[in-house]
Structure formats: structure tokens, C-alpha cells
Amino acid sequence: MGLTSEQRAARRLAAALEPVVGQVYFSPEAHSNYESLGFDASPTTVRGVAMPDGPAYFTSRGSLLGQVPGSVVAAAFGVFNPEVVDVCVGLGWTRTDAATIRTARADGAVAQLRRILGPSPDGVELVAEALGRGAAAAAVAGRPLAAGVQALDVPDDPLAAAWHHGDLLREHRGDSHTASWIGQGLTATEIGLLTELYWGLPMRSYSRTRAWSEAQFDAAEASLRERGLLDGDGFSEAGRTLRERIEVTTDAQVQPVLDAIGDDLGAVCDLMEPWGAAIRDAHGYPASGPHDLAAR
């Protein structure tokens, strides 16, 4: 069964936002800001894209929640091994505080956008205003990271405001997605394995970036097989249906955002999609990701 127009719209918005907002985790300007706070430099580049330092990543994004323990950050992020997150965030709080690294994060994100797109790319006022309407309509109950962004002041500069609102909407979908897979009785390791199959990747490939051990993968895979969600090295019919249900449930939670953006949604995506392409061309975000493979 094909997607509804609402589901297609929700996924188009998510895809348009991803490189424009998610570039913060690969921004050389952000990495430099974190280095000035005592974090390590980007540890490596992959096809020209600077990868994030682990403690800087977990501490900077986790700062949206305030200066909380690593266990709280791990719970909000959902899909990472909590033992690793706890160590990284604990180290981070010996180097900086939440307000300082939050500012470093936002400044680094916007600085990369200005370098690649210019200080005022065409249509930025429309994007900022429309995403702002969507952000105002995004329910944050049960969505801690989105609530953390919502609690911050909105910048006056249109490009900074567009990134800020986009950050909220990206976290809102992520929080909503976490609620969806938790509601299906899955663990973090299990959703990682199912998502790899959903993206067309082998199990235990991309999800290794979430720091799970082989023993944890073994237990998750055994659980999924016991539930009848796997068939050989791929989905069973039940598994494919459940994984798509998670995405559809996530789309439904985003509907108030789409309603608030309204007729501007197409124009907003038409503007942001070339921005995302430019960011990727400039090595500000990976040229492709596993979610791109899923559409092929």
C-alpha cells in the first residue's frame, strides 16, 4: 500500500530538514568552538566530511536538556548504549557547562550555513516564518529534546531562526519516533537492527555507531526472531509491517506541524532542498546516508 499525501509530506519535510539542520554535527565551525572549550578535534573525515568527537557530540546535543547526568541524555537520545553516553557526558561536564556549549553549538551551525549558503539565502524569511509556525504547533509533551529547543530564545536573524526552528522540528520527529518504537515494545538495540533492514542495510552495520556490543546485538536479534519479526537475514512480513507502522505512527504525530505550515510546505521544501544539496556538495554533511538508500 502506498503512502498517503500526508505521510509523503511529513517525510519530505524531514528529508529537507536533515542536511540543513543536522549539519551542526559535522560543522568545522562547531568543532572549532568545542575545541576552544577543551574537547578534542574532529577525530576523522569520511569522504571530506569532518566527523564529530564523541564527548562533544553527546554533551552539545545533550545540553538541550540542561546540565543533566549522562543517563538522562542517553534516555532522551534513545538509541545509544547508555554506558558510553554516560562516560562521554560526564567528561563533558568537566570541561564546560550547558549554556556555554549550547551557544557554541548554535553558533557553529549557523556559521557553517552562512559560509556555504551566504548570510541571507533566497527565501530565508519565508522558511524561518513557516518553520516557526510549525515549531509553535509542535506538541512537546513526552518529547524532551524538542522541549529543550522550545525553551530557548528564537534568534532575530532569519537564517539563525530558520536553523533554530528546524532543530526543534528535527528533534520533535526524533522524539516522536522514539515514542513510536517504544510503543511497539522494542528495545534500542532491536529498533537499530530493524531500521537497518528498513534502510536496505545489513544488520549490525550502521547500528555499530551506537556503541552496542556483539552480545547485545546477539540478544536483540534473538528477541526479534522469537517475536517472528525476522526471516533469515531480512524482515519477515510481520517485521516489515511493524517497522512501517512505526514510521506511519511518527508521521501522524507530525501532522499538527504540517497543518500549521499549511500551503507553504511545498515552497519551504523547494527552498531547503537546494540548500541541503549545497551543504552536501561543500562537505558540510555526508553526501548520502542510510535513509537515502531506503528511497532507492
Protein backbone atom coordinates (compact mmCIF):
# COMPACT_ATOMS: atom_id res chain seq x y z
CA MET A 1 0.00 0.00 0.00
CA GLY A 2 1.35 3.42 -0.97
CA LEU A 3 1.84 6.40 1.27
CA THR A 4 -0.87 8.96 1.80
CA SER A 5 -0.27 12.57 0.78
CA GLU A 6 0.11 13.48 4.47
CA GLN A 7 2.75 10.80 5.00
CA ARG A 8 4.65 11.89 1.90
CA ALA A 9 4.57 15.49 3.13
CA ALA A 10 5.84 14.52 6.59
CA ARG A 11 8.73 12.56 5.14
CA ARG A 12 9.59 15.23 2.58
CA LEU A 13 9.85 17.83 5.34
CA ALA A 14 12.05 15.52 7.42
CA ALA A 15 14.35 14.86 4.45
CA ALA A 16 14.58 18.56 3.58
CA LEU A 17 15.41 19.49 7.17
CA GLU A 18 18.03 16.78 7.72
CA PRO A 19 21.13 18.18 5.98
CA VAL A 20 20.23 21.82 6.74
CA VAL A 21 19.82 21.17 10.47
CA GLY A 22 21.89 18.02 11.03
CA GLN A 23 24.96 19.68 9.53
CA VAL A 24 25.65 21.02 13.03
CA TYR A 25 27.22 17.64 13.88
CA PHE A 26 29.72 17.94 11.01
CA SER A 27 30.33 21.70 11.04
CA PRO A 28 34.03 22.61 11.24
CA GLU A 29 32.96 25.83 12.94
CA ALA A 30 31.13 23.88 15.63
CA HIS A 31 34.08 21.51 16.06
CA SER A 32 36.37 24.52 16.47
CA ASN A 33 34.03 26.01 19.07
CA TYR A 34 34.10 22.76 21.05
CA GLU A 35 37.88 22.59 20.83
CA SER A 36 38.03 26.05 22.42
CA LEU A 37 36.12 24.56 25.37
CA GLY A 38 38.64 21.75 25.79
CA PHE A 39 37.13 18.99 23.68
CA ASP A 40 39.13 17.01 21.13
CA ALA A 41 39.16 17.93 17.47
CA SER A 42 37.15 16.01 14.91
CA PRO A 43 38.73 12.54 15.02
CA THR A 44 38.49 11.80 11.30
CA THR A 45 36.96 12.77 7.99
CA VAL A 46 34.82 10.49 5.85
CA ARG A 47 34.72 11.49 2.17
CA GLY A 48 35.72 15.01 3.17
CA VAL A 49 33.16 15.38 5.97
CA ALA A 50 34.51 16.04 9.48
CA MET A 51 33.09 13.53 11.95
CA PRO A 52 32.10 14.62 15.47
CA ASP A 53 34.10 13.97 18.62
CA GLY A 54 32.01 11.69 20.83
CA PRO A 55 32.07 13.65 24.10
CA ALA A 56 31.45 16.91 22.23
CA TYR A 57 28.51 15.40 20.34
CA PHE A 58 26.76 13.94 23.36
CA THR A 59 27.42 16.96 25.56
CA SER A 60 26.45 19.59 22.98
CA ARG A 61 23.22 17.96 21.88
CA GLY A 62 22.52 16.81 25.43
CA SER A 63 22.83 20.40 26.63
CA LEU A 64 19.34 20.98 25.20
CA LEU A 65 18.14 19.16 28.31
CA GLY A 66 20.22 21.28 30.69
CA GLN A 67 23.23 20.17 32.69
CA VAL A 68 21.88 16.69 33.38
CA PRO A 69 23.63 13.37 34.01
CA GLY A 70 24.64 11.25 31.06
CA SER A 71 22.00 8.68 31.93
CA VAL A 72 19.32 11.30 31.26
CA VAL A 73 20.92 12.22 27.92
CA ALA A 74 21.05 8.53 26.97
CA ALA A 75 17.38 8.11 27.84
CA ALA A 76 16.39 11.07 25.68
CA PHE A 77 18.55 10.05 22.71
CA GLY A 78 17.15 6.54 23.00
CA VAL A 79 19.29 4.57 20.56
CA PHE A 80 22.83 4.78 22.01
CA ASN A 81 24.50 2.50 24.54
CA PRO A 82 23.88 4.33 27.85
CA GLU A 83 27.22 3.24 29.29
CA VAL A 84 29.10 5.10 26.55
CA VAL A 85 26.86 8.17 26.71
CA ASP A 86 27.24 8.39 30.48
CA VAL A 87 31.04 8.42 30.26
CA CYS A 88 31.09 10.98 27.43
CA VAL A 89 28.69 13.40 29.11
CA GLY A 90 30.39 13.03 32.47
CA LEU A 91 33.66 14.04 30.82
CA GLY A 92 31.90 16.89 29.00
CA TRP A 93 30.65 18.49 32.19
CA THR A 94 34.22 18.65 33.50
CA ARG A 95 35.04 20.88 30.52
CA THR A 96 32.08 23.21 30.13
CA ASP A 97 28.53 23.98 31.20
CA ALA A 98 25.25 23.53 29.37
CA ALA A 99 24.62 27.17 28.45
CA THR A 100 28.12 27.65 27.07
CA ILE A 101 28.16 24.58 24.85
CA ARG A 102 24.59 25.23 23.69
CA THR A 103 25.74 28.60 22.41
CA ALA A 104 28.84 27.04 20.81
CA ARG A 105 26.59 24.50 19.08
CA ALA A 106 24.13 27.02 17.64
CA ASP A 107 26.85 29.46 16.63
CA GLY A 108 28.76 26.69 14.86
CA ALA A 109 25.69 25.53 12.98
CA VAL A 110 24.76 28.97 11.74
CA ALA A 111 28.36 29.84 10.88
CA GLN A 112 28.57 26.87 8.52
CA LEU A 113 25.25 27.80 6.91
CA ARG A 114 26.50 31.36 6.34
CA ARG A 115 29.77 30.12 4.86
CA ILE A 116 28.06 27.77 2.41
CA LEU A 117 24.73 29.49 1.67
CA GLY A 118 25.62 33.12 2.33
CA PRO A 119 24.23 35.33 5.11
CA SER A 120 20.77 35.64 3.55
CA PRO A 121 19.92 32.89 1.06
CA ASP A 122 16.91 33.45 -1.17
CA GLY A 123 13.66 32.68 0.62
CA VAL A 124 15.16 32.50 4.10
CA GLU A 125 12.50 34.80 5.57
CA LEU A 126 9.71 32.53 4.29
CA VAL A 127 11.49 29.44 5.59
CA ALA A 128 12.05 30.98 9.02
CA GLU A 129 8.46 32.19 9.32
CA ALA A 130 6.85 28.96 8.10
CA LEU A 131 9.08 26.70 10.19
CA GLY A 132 8.35 28.97 13.13
CA ARG A 133 4.64 28.31 12.71
CA GLY A 134 5.34 24.60 12.56
CA ALA A 135 7.54 24.75 15.64
CA ALA A 136 4.88 26.63 17.59
CA ALA A 137 2.39 23.86 16.75
CA ALA A 138 4.73 21.02 17.70
CA ALA A 139 3.49 19.38 20.90
CA VAL A 140 6.42 18.78 23.24
CA ALA A 141 4.70 16.65 25.90
CA GLY A 142 6.79 13.48 26.15
CA ARG A 143 9.35 14.94 23.74
CA PRO A 144 12.29 16.12 25.87
CA LEU A 145 14.72 17.26 23.19
CA ALA A 146 12.09 19.24 21.31
CA ALA A 147 11.04 20.81 24.60
CA GLY A 148 14.65 21.76 25.25
CA VAL A 149 14.86 23.66 21.97
CA GLN A 150 11.47 25.26 22.56
CA ALA A 151 12.70 26.67 25.87
CA LEU A 152 15.44 28.67 24.12
CA ASP A 153 15.09 32.18 22.73
CA VAL A 154 14.45 32.45 18.99
CA PRO A 155 17.26 34.39 17.24
CA ASP A 156 16.40 37.62 15.41
CA ASP A 157 18.49 36.79 12.34
CA PRO A 158 16.32 34.91 9.78
CA LEU A 159 18.94 32.28 8.93
CA ALA A 160 19.65 31.59 12.61
CA ALA A 161 15.92 31.49 13.29
CA ALA A 162 15.35 29.04 10.43
CA TRP A 163 18.03 26.73 11.85
CA HIS A 164 16.61 27.06 15.38
CA HIS A 165 13.07 26.18 14.28
CA GLY A 166 14.40 23.37 12.11
CA ASP A 167 16.36 21.99 15.06
CA LEU A 168 13.15 21.87 17.09
CA LEU A 169 11.26 20.12 14.29
CA ARG A 170 14.06 17.60 13.72
CA GLU A 171 14.16 16.76 17.42
CA HIS A 172 10.34 16.66 17.53
CA ARG A 173 10.24 13.97 14.85
CA GLY A 174 13.07 12.10 16.57
CA ASP A 175 11.29 12.20 19.93
CA SER A 176 8.06 11.12 18.24
CA HIS A 177 9.86 8.25 16.53
CA THR A 178 11.25 7.09 19.87
CA ALA A 179 7.76 7.11 21.34
CA SER A 180 6.54 5.06 18.37
CA TRP A 181 9.09 2.27 18.68
CA ILE A 182 8.86 2.15 22.45
CA GLY A 183 5.11 1.76 22.00
CA GLN A 184 5.78 -1.36 19.92
CA GLY A 185 7.70 -2.94 22.81
CA LEU A 186 11.13 -2.70 21.17
CA THR A 187 14.48 -2.03 22.80
CA ALA A 188 17.05 0.42 21.48
CA THR A 189 19.17 -2.36 20.01
CA GLU A 190 16.16 -4.03 18.40
CA ILE A 191 14.97 -0.84 16.68
CA GLY A 192 18.52 -0.34 15.41
CA LEU A 193 18.55 -3.73 13.72
CA LEU A 194 15.07 -3.29 12.25
CA THR A 195 15.91 0.18 10.99
CA GLU A 196 18.97 -1.11 9.16
CA LEU A 197 16.76 -3.59 7.29
CA TYR A 198 14.24 -0.82 6.64
CA TRP A 199 17.03 1.26 5.08
CA GLY A 200 18.22 -1.69 2.99
CA LEU A 201 21.41 -2.26 5.00
CA PRO A 202 22.75 -5.44 6.62
CA MET A 203 22.03 -5.84 10.31
CA ARG A 204 24.84 -4.75 12.64
CA SER A 205 26.28 -2.27 10.13
CA TYR A 206 25.08 1.28 10.80
CA SER A 207 23.89 0.44 14.33
CA ARG A 208 27.50 -0.21 15.34
CA THR A 209 27.85 3.58 15.52
CA ARG A 210 25.54 3.40 18.55
CA ALA A 211 28.25 1.55 20.56
CA TRP A 212 26.44 -1.73 21.21
CA SER A 213 28.43 -4.89 21.90
CA GLU A 214 28.18 -8.17 19.98
CA ALA A 215 26.49 -9.75 23.00
CA GLN A 216 23.87 -7.01 23.00
CA PHE A 217 23.31 -7.45 19.25
CA ASP A 218 23.00 -11.22 19.77
CA ALA A 219 20.35 -10.77 22.44
CA ALA A 220 18.40 -8.27 20.34
CA GLU A 221 18.47 -10.46 17.25
CA ALA A 222 17.34 -13.50 19.25
CA SER A 223 14.45 -11.49 20.67
CA LEU A 224 13.37 -10.29 17.23
CA ARG A 225 13.45 -13.86 15.89
CA GLU A 226 11.43 -15.09 18.84
CA ARG A 227 8.79 -12.46 18.02
CA GLY A 228 8.71 -13.59 14.40
CA LEU A 229 9.99 -10.26 13.04
CA LEU A 230 12.97 -11.68 11.12
CA ASP A 231 13.20 -14.23 8.33
CA GLY A 232 16.76 -15.30 7.56
CA ASP A 233 18.87 -12.16 7.17
CA GLY A 234 15.87 -9.93 6.49
CA PHE A 235 12.39 -8.98 7.55
CA SER A 236 9.53 -11.37 7.95
CA GLU A 237 6.25 -10.00 6.68
CA ALA A 238 5.30 -9.20 10.29
CA GLY A 239 8.59 -7.43 10.83
CA ARG A 240 8.24 -5.28 7.73
CA THR A 241 4.68 -4.36 8.71
CA LEU A 242 5.70 -3.43 12.26
CA ARG A 243 8.63 -1.28 11.11
CA GLU A 244 6.47 0.62 8.63
CA ARG A 245 3.82 1.07 11.34
CA ILE A 246 6.44 2.85 13.46
CA GLU A 247 7.14 5.31 10.65
CA VAL A 248 3.44 5.87 9.95
CA THR A 249 2.78 6.50 13.64
CA THR A 250 5.63 9.01 13.63
CA ASP A 251 4.17 10.75 10.58
CA ALA A 252 0.83 11.08 12.37
CA GLN A 253 2.47 12.82 15.32
CA VAL A 254 3.97 15.38 12.94
CA GLN A 255 0.61 16.24 11.35
CA PRO A 256 -0.06 19.35 13.52
CA VAL A 257 3.27 20.75 12.30
CA LEU A 258 2.27 20.19 8.68
CA ASP A 259 -1.13 21.76 9.28
CA ALA A 260 0.50 24.87 10.77
CA ILE A 261 2.93 25.27 7.86
CA GLY A 262 -0.01 24.73 5.55
CA ASP A 263 0.22 25.74 1.90
CA ASP A 264 3.80 27.00 2.37
CA LEU A 265 5.13 23.46 2.85
CA GLY A 266 5.94 22.88 -0.81
CA ALA A 267 7.69 26.23 -1.16
CA VAL A 268 9.67 25.67 2.04
CA CYS A 269 10.89 22.27 0.86
CA ASP A 270 11.63 23.66 -2.62
CA LEU A 271 13.90 26.23 -0.96
CA MET A 272 15.57 23.95 1.59
CA GLU A 273 16.30 21.03 -0.73
CA PRO A 274 18.85 23.01 -2.81
CA TRP A 275 20.34 24.33 0.43
CA GLY A 276 20.82 20.74 1.57
CA ALA A 277 22.42 19.82 -1.75
CA ALA A 278 24.83 22.76 -1.46
CA ILE A 279 25.75 21.76 2.10
CA ARG A 280 26.47 18.22 0.98
CA ASP A 281 28.50 19.42 -2.02
CA ALA A 282 30.60 21.54 0.37
CA HIS A 283 31.21 18.51 2.64
CA GLY A 284 29.18 20.05 5.44
CA TYR A 285 27.03 16.92 5.71
CA PRO A 286 27.53 13.38 4.36
CA ALA A 287 26.84 13.08 0.65
CA SER A 288 24.46 10.23 1.36
CA GLY A 289 23.17 8.42 4.38
CA PRO A 290 21.35 5.18 5.12
CA HIS A 291 18.00 6.94 4.95
CA ASP A 292 18.83 7.98 1.38
CA LEU A 293 19.37 4.34 0.45
CA ALA A 294 15.90 3.47 1.69
CA ALA A 295 14.28 5.55 -1.05
CA ARG A 296 16.08 3.75 -3.87
